[in-house]
Amino acid sequence: MNDETSDPVDPEFDRSGIHVPGDIAESEGVPLDLDANLGEPFVIPSPERRKVAGWIYLVGAVFLALGGVLGLGAGMWVVAGLLAVLAGWHFIAAWPLAIDEQVALRAAARELTFPIGHASAAVRFAGWRSKPIWHVVLYDAHEPPAHRALVRVDAVDGRVLGVVAEDLSAA
């Protein structure tokens, strides 16, 4: 069991933030991919990856249409059409994730009047085209927090889409 103070200085592992002590994480078998103390920043995969699936569906649709032309059955045309529609959706839903978590956090903080303490951001997808939107939750720096807010930031162009702030001191 490793004592937190005896861990060697490792550039991949920073225990300066909120964390589970190393000995507890080790004894509980917390996998490294769930450890928020790892030095590498987590990168959300871009929805542009949907284009790869779109191309695969489109190629499948072409092969099925060729099968339909060769007389392999009328069902080939139906499936080819469905795959072509699905490919089209993947292409139009392949938004670039141009705004990362740090930019979204800064944009959200600029919208608020209270000093920021804890904050968290998560990507959600809205609409039939699945446009990525950052949902940023921020608390003020007081202990306990007196304010909190939810700020929605467009992950494609960085526009702030909405702010909902709440005074917690009255609760």
C-alpha atoms as a PDB file:
ATOM      1  CA  MET A   1       0.000   0.000   0.000  1.00  0.00           C
ATOM      2  CA  ASN A   2       1.341   3.382  -0.982  1.00  0.00           C
ATOM      3  CA  ASP A   3       1.169   6.276   1.404  1.00  0.00           C
ATOM      4  CA  GLU A   4       0.153   9.488  -0.360  1.00  0.00           C
ATOM      5  CA  THR A   5       3.143  11.348   1.014  1.00  0.00           C
ATOM      6  CA  SER A   6       5.584   8.642  -0.070  1.00  0.00           C
ATOM      7  CA  ASP A   7       4.503   8.576  -3.736  1.00  0.00           C
ATOM      8  CA  PRO A   8       7.427   9.511  -5.956  1.00  0.00           C
ATOM      9  CA  VAL A   9       7.085  12.636  -8.060  1.00  0.00           C
ATOM     10  CA  ASP A  10       5.630  11.369 -11.302  1.00  0.00           C
ATOM     11  CA  PRO A  11       4.750  13.803 -14.118  1.00  0.00           C
ATOM     12  CA  GLU A  12       1.854  11.532 -15.136  1.00  0.00           C
ATOM     13  CA  PHE A  13       0.265  11.543 -11.703  1.00  0.00           C
ATOM     14  CA  ASP A  14      -0.647  14.743  -9.873  1.00  0.00           C
ATOM     15  CA  ARG A  15      -2.392  14.453  -6.517  1.00  0.00           C
ATOM     16  CA  SER A  16      -2.778  18.186  -5.933  1.00  0.00           C
ATOM     17  CA  GLY A  17      -6.528  18.322  -6.684  1.00  0.00           C
ATOM     18  CA  ILE A  18      -9.548  16.572  -5.275  1.00  0.00           C
ATOM     19  CA  HIS A  19      -8.696  12.898  -5.327  1.00  0.00           C
ATOM     20  CA  VAL A  20      -9.056   9.496  -3.806  1.00  0.00           C
ATOM     21  CA  PRO A  21      -5.897   8.721  -1.815  1.00  0.00           C
ATOM     22  CA  GLY A  22      -3.606   6.320  -3.666  1.00  0.00           C
ATOM     23  CA  ASP A  23      -3.768   3.566  -1.062  1.00  0.00           C
ATOM     24  CA  ILE A  24      -7.586   3.541  -1.118  1.00  0.00           C
ATOM     25  CA  ALA A  25      -7.712   3.641  -4.930  1.00  0.00           C
ATOM     26  CA  GLU A  26      -5.235   0.761  -5.067  1.00  0.00           C
ATOM     27  CA  SER A  27      -7.040  -1.334  -2.454  1.00  0.00           C
ATOM     28  CA  GLU A  28     -10.400  -0.769  -4.165  1.00  0.00           C
ATOM     29  CA  GLY A  29      -8.974  -1.543  -7.610  1.00  0.00           C
ATOM     30  CA  VAL A  30      -9.919   1.782  -9.238  1.00  0.00           C
ATOM     31  CA  PRO A  31      -8.881   1.469 -12.913  1.00  0.00           C
ATOM     32  CA  LEU A  32      -6.453   4.081 -14.212  1.00  0.00           C
ATOM     33  CA  ASP A  33      -8.894   5.273 -16.882  1.00  0.00           C
ATOM     34  CA  LEU A  34     -11.258   6.388 -14.085  1.00  0.00           C
ATOM     35  CA  ASP A  35      -8.581   8.226 -12.103  1.00  0.00           C
ATOM     36  CA  ALA A  36      -9.114  11.988 -12.457  1.00  0.00           C
ATOM     37  CA  ASN A  37      -5.644  12.647 -11.041  1.00  0.00           C
ATOM     38  CA  LEU A  38      -3.838  11.419 -14.140  1.00  0.00           C
ATOM     39  CA  GLY A  39      -1.804  14.148 -15.778  1.00  0.00           C
ATOM     40  CA  GLU A  40      -3.181  13.739 -19.283  1.00  0.00           C
ATOM     41  CA  PRO A  41      -6.299  15.785 -20.031  1.00  0.00           C
ATOM     42  CA  PHE A  42      -9.353  13.862 -21.127  1.00  0.00           C
ATOM     43  CA  VAL A  43     -10.387  14.679 -24.681  1.00  0.00           C
ATOM     44  CA  ILE A  44     -14.002  14.285 -25.752  1.00  0.00           C
ATOM     45  CA  PRO A  45     -14.101  12.549 -29.161  1.00  0.00           C
ATOM     46  CA  SER A  46     -15.397  14.833 -31.884  1.00  0.00           C
ATOM     47  CA  PRO A  47     -18.804  14.075 -33.387  1.00  0.00           C
ATOM     48  CA  GLU A  48     -17.054  14.466 -36.753  1.00  0.00           C
ATOM     49  CA  ARG A  49     -16.174  10.792 -36.316  1.00  0.00           C
ATOM     50  CA  ARG A  50     -19.723  10.124 -37.504  1.00  0.00           C
ATOM     51  CA  LYS A  51     -18.471  10.741 -41.050  1.00  0.00           C
ATOM     52  CA  VAL A  52     -16.572   7.440 -40.887  1.00  0.00           C
ATOM     53  CA  ALA A  53     -19.791   5.559 -40.155  1.00  0.00           C
ATOM     54  CA  GLY A  54     -21.514   7.581 -42.881  1.00  0.00           C
ATOM     55  CA  TRP A  55     -18.975   6.442 -45.465  1.00  0.00           C
ATOM     56  CA  ILE A  56     -19.326   2.820 -44.343  1.00  0.00           C
ATOM     57  CA  TYR A  57     -23.122   2.995 -44.649  1.00  0.00           C
ATOM     58  CA  LEU A  58     -22.822   4.678 -48.041  1.00  0.00           C
ATOM     59  CA  VAL A  59     -20.459   1.998 -49.367  1.00  0.00           C
ATOM     60  CA  GLY A  60     -22.843  -0.674 -48.065  1.00  0.00           C
ATOM     61  CA  ALA A  61     -25.746   1.070 -49.795  1.00  0.00           C
ATOM     62  CA  VAL A  62     -23.835   1.124 -53.097  1.00  0.00           C
ATOM     63  CA  PHE A  63     -23.046  -2.606 -52.851  1.00  0.00           C
ATOM     64  CA  LEU A  64     -26.662  -3.426 -52.034  1.00  0.00           C
ATOM     65  CA  ALA A  65     -27.871  -1.257 -54.927  1.00  0.00           C
ATOM     66  CA  LEU A  66     -25.503  -3.157 -57.231  1.00  0.00           C
ATOM     67  CA  GLY A  67     -27.030  -6.369 -55.892  1.00  0.00           C
ATOM     68  CA  GLY A  68     -30.459  -4.964 -56.724  1.00  0.00           C
ATOM     69  CA  VAL A  69     -29.327  -4.122 -60.260  1.00  0.00           C
ATOM     70  CA  LEU A  70     -28.022  -7.674 -60.672  1.00  0.00           C
ATOM     71  CA  GLY A  71     -31.456  -8.986 -59.737  1.00  0.00           C
ATOM     72  CA  LEU A  72     -30.662 -10.388 -56.290  1.00  0.00           C
ATOM     73  CA  GLY A  73     -33.992  -9.286 -54.868  1.00  0.00           C
ATOM     74  CA  ALA A  74     -36.176  -6.235 -54.368  1.00  0.00           C
ATOM     75  CA  GLY A  75     -35.271  -6.160 -50.670  1.00  0.00           C
ATOM     76  CA  MET A  76     -31.791  -4.998 -51.657  1.00  0.00           C
ATOM     77  CA  TRP A  77     -33.252  -1.692 -52.848  1.00  0.00           C
ATOM     78  CA  VAL A  78     -35.093  -1.153 -49.572  1.00  0.00           C
ATOM     79  CA  VAL A  79     -32.028  -1.816 -47.434  1.00  0.00           C
ATOM     80  CA  ALA A  80     -29.821   0.252 -49.787  1.00  0.00           C
ATOM     81  CA  GLY A  81     -32.254   3.151 -49.413  1.00  0.00           C
ATOM     82  CA  LEU A  82     -32.293   2.859 -45.624  1.00  0.00           C
ATOM     83  CA  LEU A  83     -28.487   2.732 -45.493  1.00  0.00           C
ATOM     84  CA  ALA A  84     -28.270   5.783 -47.770  1.00  0.00           C
ATOM     85  CA  VAL A  85     -30.630   7.740 -45.488  1.00  0.00           C
ATOM     86  CA  LEU A  86     -28.662   6.657 -42.436  1.00  0.00           C
ATOM     87  CA  ALA A  87     -25.408   7.691 -44.141  1.00  0.00           C
ATOM     88  CA  GLY A  88     -26.927  11.083 -44.945  1.00  0.00           C
ATOM     89  CA  TRP A  89     -27.875  11.624 -41.301  1.00  0.00           C
ATOM     90  CA  HIS A  90     -24.358  10.707 -40.173  1.00  0.00           C
ATOM     91  CA  PHE A  91     -22.906  13.285 -42.570  1.00  0.00           C
ATOM     92  CA  ILE A  92     -25.197  16.136 -41.501  1.00  0.00           C
ATOM     93  CA  ALA A  93     -24.817  15.252 -37.791  1.00  0.00           C
ATOM     94  CA  ALA A  94     -21.009  15.269 -37.959  1.00  0.00           C
ATOM     95  CA  TRP A  95     -20.541  18.573 -36.139  1.00  0.00           C
ATOM     96  CA  PRO A  96     -16.997  19.665 -35.311  1.00  0.00           C
ATOM     97  CA  LEU A  97     -16.315  19.897 -31.578  1.00  0.00           C
ATOM     98  CA  ALA A  98     -14.484  23.214 -31.930  1.00  0.00           C
ATOM     99  CA  ILE A  99     -14.848  24.338 -28.300  1.00  0.00           C
ATOM    100  CA  ASP A 100     -13.166  22.214 -25.659  1.00  0.00           C
ATOM    101  CA  GLU A 101     -14.016  21.922 -21.973  1.00  0.00           C
ATOM    102  CA  GLN A 102     -11.594  24.646 -20.836  1.00  0.00           C
ATOM    103  CA  VAL A 103     -12.927  27.197 -23.338  1.00  0.00           C
ATOM    104  CA  ALA A 104     -16.506  26.336 -22.323  1.00  0.00           C
ATOM    105  CA  LEU A 105     -15.631  26.809 -18.641  1.00  0.00           C
ATOM    106  CA  ARG A 106     -14.082  30.232 -19.342  1.00  0.00           C
ATOM    107  CA  ALA A 107     -17.068  31.304 -21.477  1.00  0.00           C
ATOM    108  CA  ALA A 108     -19.456  30.230 -18.722  1.00  0.00           C
ATOM    109  CA  ALA A 109     -17.468  32.027 -16.010  1.00  0.00           C
ATOM    110  CA  ARG A 110     -17.579  35.295 -18.012  1.00  0.00           C
ATOM    111  CA  GLU A 111     -21.384  35.203 -17.866  1.00  0.00           C
ATOM    112  CA  LEU A 112     -21.577  35.157 -14.069  1.00  0.00           C
ATOM    113  CA  THR A 113     -21.095  37.867 -11.454  1.00  0.00           C
ATOM    114  CA  PHE A 114     -20.000  35.674  -8.531  1.00  0.00           C
ATOM    115  CA  PRO A 115     -16.451  34.319  -7.988  1.00  0.00           C
ATOM    116  CA  ILE A 116     -16.187  30.781  -9.358  1.00  0.00           C
ATOM    117  CA  GLY A 117     -15.286  27.856  -7.112  1.00  0.00           C
ATOM    118  CA  HIS A 118     -16.066  24.326  -8.233  1.00  0.00           C
ATOM    119  CA  ALA A 119     -17.127  23.812 -11.838  1.00  0.00           C
ATOM    120  CA  SER A 120     -17.894  20.895 -14.128  1.00  0.00           C
ATOM    121  CA  ALA A 121     -18.677  20.570 -17.820  1.00  0.00           C
ATOM    122  CA  ALA A 122     -20.366  17.815 -19.811  1.00  0.00           C
ATOM    123  CA  VAL A 123     -21.253  17.526 -23.487  1.00  0.00           C
ATOM    124  CA  ARG A 124     -24.882  16.870 -24.344  1.00  0.00           C
ATOM    125  CA  PHE A 125     -26.423  16.587 -27.783  1.00  0.00           C
ATOM    126  CA  ALA A 126     -29.523  18.523 -28.870  1.00  0.00           C
ATOM    127  CA  GLY A 127     -31.935  18.183 -31.767  1.00  0.00           C
ATOM    128  CA  TRP A 128     -32.321  15.621 -34.524  1.00  0.00           C
ATOM    129  CA  ARG A 129     -28.881  16.607 -35.871  1.00  0.00           C
ATOM    130  CA  SER A 130     -27.336  15.997 -32.420  1.00  0.00           C
ATOM    131  CA  LYS A 131     -25.575  19.336 -32.107  1.00  0.00           C
ATOM    132  CA  PRO A 132     -23.011  19.228 -29.271  1.00  0.00           C
ATOM    133  CA  ILE A 133     -23.645  21.642 -26.396  1.00  0.00           C
ATOM    134  CA  TRP A 134     -21.549  22.051 -23.264  1.00  0.00           C
ATOM    135  CA  HIS A 135     -23.566  22.125 -20.049  1.00  0.00           C
ATOM    136  CA  VAL A 136     -21.392  23.835 -17.446  1.00  0.00           C
ATOM    137  CA  VAL A 137     -22.332  23.758 -13.755  1.00  0.00           C
ATOM    138  CA  LEU A 138     -20.562  26.366 -11.625  1.00  0.00           C
ATOM    139  CA  TYR A 139     -20.615  27.078  -7.889  1.00  0.00           C
ATOM    140  CA  ASP A 140     -19.334  30.193  -6.211  1.00  0.00           C
ATOM    141  CA  ALA A 141     -16.109  30.150  -4.212  1.00  0.00           C
ATOM    142  CA  HIS A 142     -17.742  30.449  -0.774  1.00  0.00           C
ATOM    143  CA  GLU A 143     -17.920  27.523   1.619  1.00  0.00           C
ATOM    144  CA  PRO A 144     -20.699  26.449   1.501  1.00  0.00           C
ATOM    145  CA  PRO A 145     -21.553  27.886  -1.930  1.00  0.00           C
ATOM    146  CA  ALA A 146     -24.077  30.722  -1.931  1.00  0.00           C
ATOM    147  CA  HIS A 147     -24.743  30.588  -5.708  1.00  0.00           C
ATOM    148  CA  ARG A 148     -24.776  28.039  -8.491  1.00  0.00           C
ATOM    149  CA  ALA A 149     -25.450  28.283 -12.190  1.00  0.00           C
ATOM    150  CA  LEU A 150     -25.976  26.173 -15.286  1.00  0.00           C
ATOM    151  CA  VAL A 151     -24.568  27.723 -18.443  1.00  0.00           C
ATOM    152  CA  ARG A 152     -25.160  26.176 -21.882  1.00  0.00           C
ATOM    153  CA  VAL A 153     -22.351  26.831 -24.377  1.00  0.00           C
ATOM    154  CA  ASP A 154     -22.531  25.885 -28.066  1.00  0.00           C
ATOM    155  CA  ALA A 155     -19.634  23.462 -28.641  1.00  0.00           C
ATOM    156  CA  VAL A 156     -19.395  24.381 -32.328  1.00  0.00           C
ATOM    157  CA  ASP A 157     -19.050  28.175 -32.187  1.00  0.00           C
ATOM    158  CA  GLY A 158     -18.733  29.048 -28.470  1.00  0.00           C
ATOM    159  CA  ARG A 159     -21.917  31.114 -28.162  1.00  0.00           C
ATOM    160  CA  VAL A 160     -23.561  31.126 -24.747  1.00  0.00           C
ATOM    161  CA  LEU A 161     -27.042  29.708 -25.285  1.00  0.00           C
ATOM    162  CA  GLY A 162     -28.473  30.209 -21.830  1.00  0.00           C
ATOM    163  CA  VAL A 163     -27.752  30.898 -18.167  1.00  0.00           C
ATOM    164  CA  VAL A 164     -29.773  29.712 -15.192  1.00  0.00           C
ATOM    165  CA  ALA A 165     -28.424  31.032 -11.872  1.00  0.00           C
ATOM    166  CA  GLU A 166     -29.711  30.225  -8.414  1.00  0.00           C
ATOM    167  CA  ASP A 167     -29.153  31.819  -5.015  1.00  0.00           C
ATOM    168  CA  LEU A 168     -28.475  29.021  -2.532  1.00  0.00           C
ATOM    169  CA  SER A 169     -28.246  31.238   0.534  1.00  0.00           C
ATOM    170  CA  ALA A 170     -32.038  31.644   0.635  1.00  0.00           C
ATOM    171  CA  ALA A 171     -32.639  27.894   0.639  1.00  0.00           C
END
